[in-house]
Amino acid sequence: MTLLEDIEKQLRALPPEKQSEVLDFIAFLQQRTNASQPVKPRSLKKHPAFGSWKKRKIDALEYQQKLRAETQERKSYSASFSALHTFCHGFHEFARIVQRIS
């Protein structure tokens, strides 16, 4: 018995509503198979943003480095603030304990 014959035999044994579900599942598998086929990549030269820096008198690498430095600076401030917050919270707890003892 071939695979197709085995599927047909098992399908005939199911009630009509289950056969309908099998048909829906087959449609789902076909749709998923069609969607997974590779899409031909488009050329970046055709993208509207291509060459947008050309007209500006800005060095793109320098600009990128400046942005990264600003981001690092913000992260540094954030870490310092977090450490200060933790220290103040600990100091506040310490002050409460000292007050209870006194």
N, C-alpha and C. Protein backbone atom coordinates (compact mmCIF):
# COMPACT_ATOMS: atom_id res chain seq x y z
N MET A 1 0.86 -1.17 0.00
CA MET A 1 0.00 0.00 0.00
C MET A 1 0.90 1.24 0.00
N THR A 2 0.59 2.18 -0.87
CA THR A 2 1.38 3.41 -0.95
C THR A 2 0.94 4.39 0.15
N LEU A 3 1.72 5.40 0.33
CA LEU A 3 1.41 6.41 1.34
C LEU A 3 0.07 7.09 1.02
N LEU A 4 -0.14 7.41 -0.23
CA LEU A 4 -1.39 8.07 -0.64
C LEU A 4 -2.60 7.17 -0.38
N GLU A 5 -2.46 5.87 -0.66
CA GLU A 5 -3.55 4.93 -0.41
C GLU A 5 -3.83 4.81 1.09
N ASP A 6 -2.77 4.81 1.89
CA ASP A 6 -2.93 4.72 3.34
C ASP A 6 -3.64 5.97 3.87
N ILE A 7 -3.27 7.14 3.37
CA ILE A 7 -3.93 8.38 3.78
C ILE A 7 -5.41 8.34 3.39
N GLU A 8 -5.67 7.92 2.18
CA GLU A 8 -7.06 7.85 1.71
C GLU A 8 -7.89 6.89 2.56
N LYS A 9 -7.32 5.75 2.91
CA LYS A 9 -8.02 4.75 3.72
C LYS A 9 -8.36 5.34 5.10
N GLN A 10 -7.39 5.99 5.72
CA GLN A 10 -7.62 6.57 7.04
C GLN A 10 -8.59 7.75 6.97
N LEU A 11 -8.53 8.51 5.89
CA LEU A 11 -9.42 9.65 5.72
C LEU A 11 -10.87 9.19 5.58
N ARG A 12 -11.09 8.11 4.83
CA ARG A 12 -12.45 7.57 4.65
C ARG A 12 -13.04 7.07 5.97
N ALA A 13 -12.18 6.65 6.88
CA ALA A 13 -12.65 6.13 8.16
C ALA A 13 -13.09 7.25 9.13
N LEU A 14 -12.73 8.48 8.81
CA LEU A 14 -13.10 9.61 9.68
C LEU A 14 -14.51 10.11 9.38
N PRO A 15 -15.18 10.69 10.38
CA PRO A 15 -16.48 11.32 10.12
C PRO A 15 -16.29 12.56 9.24
N PRO A 16 -17.36 12.99 8.55
CA PRO A 16 -17.25 14.12 7.61
C PRO A 16 -16.66 15.40 8.21
N GLU A 17 -17.00 15.72 9.47
CA GLU A 17 -16.47 16.96 10.05
C GLU A 17 -14.95 16.86 10.27
N LYS A 18 -14.45 15.66 10.57
CA LYS A 18 -13.00 15.47 10.72
C LYS A 18 -12.31 15.48 9.36
N GLN A 19 -12.99 14.97 8.34
CA GLN A 19 -12.43 15.03 6.99
C GLN A 19 -12.27 16.49 6.56
N SER A 20 -13.24 17.33 6.95
CA SER A 20 -13.17 18.76 6.65
C SER A 20 -11.97 19.39 7.35
N GLU A 21 -11.71 18.98 8.60
CA GLU A 21 -10.55 19.50 9.33
C GLU A 21 -9.25 19.10 8.64
N VAL A 22 -9.20 17.87 8.13
CA VAL A 22 -8.01 17.40 7.41
C VAL A 22 -7.79 18.26 6.17
N LEU A 23 -8.87 18.56 5.46
CA LEU A 23 -8.78 19.39 4.26
C LEU A 23 -8.27 20.79 4.63
N ASP A 24 -8.77 21.36 5.74
CA ASP A 24 -8.29 22.66 6.21
C ASP A 24 -6.80 22.61 6.55
N PHE A 25 -6.39 21.50 7.18
CA PHE A 25 -4.98 21.36 7.56
C PHE A 25 -4.10 21.26 6.32
N ILE A 26 -4.58 20.56 5.31
CA ILE A 26 -3.81 20.45 4.05
C ILE A 26 -3.65 21.84 3.44
N ALA A 27 -4.73 22.64 3.44
CA ALA A 27 -4.65 24.00 2.91
C ALA A 27 -3.64 24.82 3.71
N PHE A 28 -3.64 24.66 5.04
CA PHE A 28 -2.68 25.36 5.89
C PHE A 28 -1.25 24.97 5.52
N LEU A 29 -0.99 23.67 5.35
CA LEU A 29 0.35 23.21 5.00
C LEU A 29 0.79 23.75 3.64
N GLN A 30 -0.14 23.80 2.69
CA GLN A 30 0.20 24.35 1.37
C GLN A 30 0.55 25.82 1.47
N GLN A 31 -0.22 26.55 2.26
CA GLN A 31 0.02 27.98 2.43
C GLN A 31 1.38 28.21 3.09
N ARG A 32 1.68 27.43 4.12
CA ARG A 32 2.96 27.57 4.82
C ARG A 32 4.12 27.21 3.91
N THR A 33 3.94 26.21 3.06
CA THR A 33 4.99 25.80 2.12
C THR A 33 5.25 26.91 1.12
N ASN A 34 4.18 27.53 0.61
CA ASN A 34 4.34 28.62 -0.35
C ASN A 34 5.01 29.83 0.29
N ALA A 35 4.70 30.10 1.56
CA ALA A 35 5.27 31.25 2.26
C ALA A 35 6.75 31.04 2.58
N SER A 36 7.18 29.78 2.72
CA SER A 36 8.57 29.53 3.10
C SER A 36 9.51 29.51 1.91
N GLN A 37 8.99 29.64 0.70
CA GLN A 37 9.86 29.67 -0.46
C GLN A 37 10.68 30.95 -0.43
N PRO A 38 11.97 30.87 -0.78
CA PRO A 38 12.83 32.04 -0.68
C PRO A 38 12.35 33.20 -1.56
N VAL A 39 12.44 34.38 -0.98
CA VAL A 39 12.06 35.59 -1.70
C VAL A 39 13.33 36.19 -2.29
N LYS A 40 13.26 36.60 -3.53
CA LYS A 40 14.42 37.18 -4.18
C LYS A 40 14.74 38.52 -3.53
N PRO A 41 15.97 38.70 -3.02
CA PRO A 41 16.30 39.96 -2.37
C PRO A 41 16.31 41.12 -3.36
N ARG A 42 15.79 42.27 -2.86
CA ARG A 42 15.79 43.46 -3.71
C ARG A 42 17.13 44.18 -3.58
N SER A 43 17.48 44.89 -4.59
CA SER A 43 18.71 45.66 -4.57
C SER A 43 18.57 46.84 -3.63
N LEU A 44 19.56 47.05 -2.78
CA LEU A 44 19.53 48.19 -1.87
C LEU A 44 19.64 49.52 -2.62
N LYS A 45 20.19 49.48 -3.81
CA LYS A 45 20.32 50.71 -4.60
C LYS A 45 18.96 51.26 -4.99
N LYS A 46 17.94 50.42 -5.00
CA LYS A 46 16.59 50.87 -5.36
C LYS A 46 15.82 51.40 -4.15
N HIS A 47 16.38 51.24 -2.95
CA HIS A 47 15.71 51.72 -1.75
C HIS A 47 15.75 53.25 -1.72
N PRO A 48 14.65 53.90 -1.29
CA PRO A 48 14.60 55.37 -1.29
C PRO A 48 15.69 56.03 -0.43
N ALA A 49 16.18 55.34 0.59
CA ALA A 49 17.19 55.93 1.46
C ALA A 49 18.61 55.83 0.89
N PHE A 50 18.76 55.06 -0.20
CA PHE A 50 20.09 54.87 -0.76
C PHE A 50 20.66 56.21 -1.22
N GLY A 51 21.85 56.52 -0.73
CA GLY A 51 22.52 57.76 -1.12
C GLY A 51 22.03 58.99 -0.39
N SER A 52 21.21 58.82 0.66
CA SER A 52 20.65 59.99 1.34
C SER A 52 21.72 60.80 2.08
N TRP A 53 22.86 60.19 2.41
CA TRP A 53 23.93 60.92 3.09
C TRP A 53 24.84 61.65 2.10
N LYS A 54 24.69 61.32 0.85
CA LYS A 54 25.58 61.87 -0.17
C LYS A 54 25.51 63.40 -0.21
N LYS A 55 24.31 63.96 -0.10
CA LYS A 55 24.12 65.41 -0.22
C LYS A 55 24.52 66.15 1.06
N ARG A 56 24.57 65.46 2.17
CA ARG A 56 24.94 66.10 3.44
C ARG A 56 26.45 66.19 3.54
N LYS A 57 26.92 67.22 4.16
CA LYS A 57 28.37 67.38 4.32
C LYS A 57 28.76 66.89 5.72
N ILE A 58 28.47 65.62 5.97
CA ILE A 58 28.73 65.00 7.26
C ILE A 58 29.50 63.70 7.02
N ASP A 59 30.52 63.49 7.84
CA ASP A 59 31.24 62.22 7.79
C ASP A 59 30.41 61.20 8.57
N ALA A 60 29.85 60.23 7.88
CA ALA A 60 28.93 59.26 8.50
C ALA A 60 29.59 58.49 9.64
N LEU A 61 30.85 58.08 9.48
CA LEU A 61 31.53 57.32 10.53
C LEU A 61 31.75 58.18 11.77
N GLU A 62 32.13 59.44 11.57
CA GLU A 62 32.32 60.35 12.69
C GLU A 62 30.99 60.56 13.43
N TYR A 63 29.93 60.73 12.65
CA TYR A 63 28.59 60.91 13.22
C TYR A 63 28.18 59.69 14.05
N GLN A 64 28.45 58.51 13.51
CA GLN A 64 28.12 57.27 14.21
C GLN A 64 28.91 57.16 15.52
N GLN A 65 30.19 57.50 15.49
CA GLN A 65 31.01 57.44 16.70
C GLN A 65 30.50 58.42 17.75
N LYS A 66 30.06 59.61 17.32
CA LYS A 66 29.53 60.61 18.23
C LYS A 66 28.25 60.08 18.91
N LEU A 67 27.36 59.47 18.12
CA LEU A 67 26.14 58.91 18.69
C LEU A 67 26.43 57.81 19.69
N ARG A 68 27.39 56.95 19.37
CA ARG A 68 27.75 55.87 20.29
C ARG A 68 28.34 56.42 21.58
N ALA A 69 29.16 57.47 21.49
CA ALA A 69 29.73 58.08 22.68
C ALA A 69 28.64 58.67 23.56
N GLU A 70 27.66 59.34 22.94
CA GLU A 70 26.54 59.90 23.71
C GLU A 70 25.75 58.81 24.41
N THR A 71 25.53 57.70 23.72
CA THR A 71 24.80 56.58 24.31
C THR A 71 25.57 56.01 25.50
N GLN A 72 26.89 55.85 25.33
CA GLN A 72 27.72 55.34 26.44
C GLN A 72 27.67 56.28 27.63
N GLU A 73 27.68 57.59 27.35
CA GLU A 73 27.62 58.59 28.43
C GLU A 73 26.31 58.47 29.19
N ARG A 74 25.19 58.31 28.44
CA ARG A 74 23.88 58.14 29.10
C ARG A 74 23.85 56.89 29.95
N LYS A 75 24.43 55.79 29.44
CA LYS A 75 24.48 54.54 30.20
C LYS A 75 25.30 54.73 31.47
N SER A 76 26.38 55.48 31.37
CA SER A 76 27.24 55.73 32.52
C SER A 76 26.49 56.53 33.59
N TYR A 77 25.76 57.59 33.16
CA TYR A 77 24.96 58.37 34.10
C TYR A 77 23.91 57.49 34.76
N SER A 78 23.28 56.64 33.97
CA SER A 78 22.24 55.77 34.49
C SER A 78 22.80 54.81 35.54
N ALA A 79 23.97 54.25 35.29
CA ALA A 79 24.60 53.33 36.23
C ALA A 79 24.99 54.07 37.51
N SER A 80 25.51 55.30 37.37
CA SER A 80 25.89 56.10 38.55
C SER A 80 24.67 56.42 39.39
N PHE A 81 23.58 56.80 38.74
CA PHE A 81 22.36 57.12 39.46
C PHE A 81 21.83 55.90 40.20
N SER A 82 21.89 54.75 39.55
CA SER A 82 21.42 53.51 40.17
C SER A 82 22.25 53.18 41.42
N ALA A 83 23.57 53.34 41.31
CA ALA A 83 24.45 53.07 42.45
C ALA A 83 24.16 54.05 43.58
N LEU A 84 23.96 55.33 43.26
CA LEU A 84 23.65 56.33 44.28
C LEU A 84 22.32 56.01 44.96
N HIS A 85 21.34 55.60 44.18
CA HIS A 85 20.03 55.25 44.72
C HIS A 85 20.15 54.08 45.70
N THR A 86 20.91 53.07 45.32
CA THR A 86 21.12 51.90 46.18
C THR A 86 21.82 52.30 47.47
N PHE A 87 22.84 53.15 47.35
CA PHE A 87 23.57 53.62 48.53
C PHE A 87 22.63 54.39 49.46
N CYS A 88 21.84 55.31 48.92
CA CYS A 88 20.93 56.11 49.75
C CYS A 88 19.90 55.23 50.45
N HIS A 89 19.38 54.25 49.72
CA HIS A 89 18.40 53.35 50.31
C HIS A 89 19.03 52.58 51.47
N GLY A 90 20.26 52.09 51.28
CA GLY A 90 20.96 51.36 52.33
C GLY A 90 21.24 52.26 53.53
N PHE A 91 21.63 53.49 53.25
CA PHE A 91 21.91 54.44 54.33
C PHE A 91 20.63 54.74 55.12
N HIS A 92 19.51 54.89 54.43
CA HIS A 92 18.23 55.15 55.07
C HIS A 92 17.85 53.99 55.99
N GLU A 93 18.05 52.76 55.53
CA GLU A 93 17.77 51.58 56.35
C GLU A 93 18.69 51.55 57.57
N PHE A 94 19.95 51.88 57.37
CA PHE A 94 20.92 51.91 58.45
C PHE A 94 20.50 52.95 59.50
N ALA A 95 20.07 54.13 59.06
CA ALA A 95 19.63 55.19 59.97
C ALA A 95 18.42 54.73 60.79
N ARG A 96 17.49 54.01 60.17
CA ARG A 96 16.32 53.49 60.88
C ARG A 96 16.73 52.51 61.97
N ILE A 97 17.68 51.63 61.68
CA ILE A 97 18.15 50.65 62.66
C ILE A 97 18.82 51.36 63.83
N VAL A 98 19.66 52.35 63.51
CA VAL A 98 20.35 53.11 64.57
C VAL A 98 19.32 53.83 65.44
N GLN A 99 18.29 54.37 64.83
CA GLN A 99 17.25 55.09 65.59
C GLN A 99 16.52 54.13 66.52
N ARG A 100 16.25 52.91 66.08
CA ARG A 100 15.57 51.93 66.94
C ARG A 100 16.43 51.55 68.13
N ILE A 101 17.72 51.41 67.89
CA ILE A 101 18.64 50.99 68.94
C ILE A 101 18.78 52.09 69.99
N SER A 102 18.81 53.34 69.56
CA SER A 102 19.02 54.47 70.48
C SER A 102 17.86 54.69 71.39
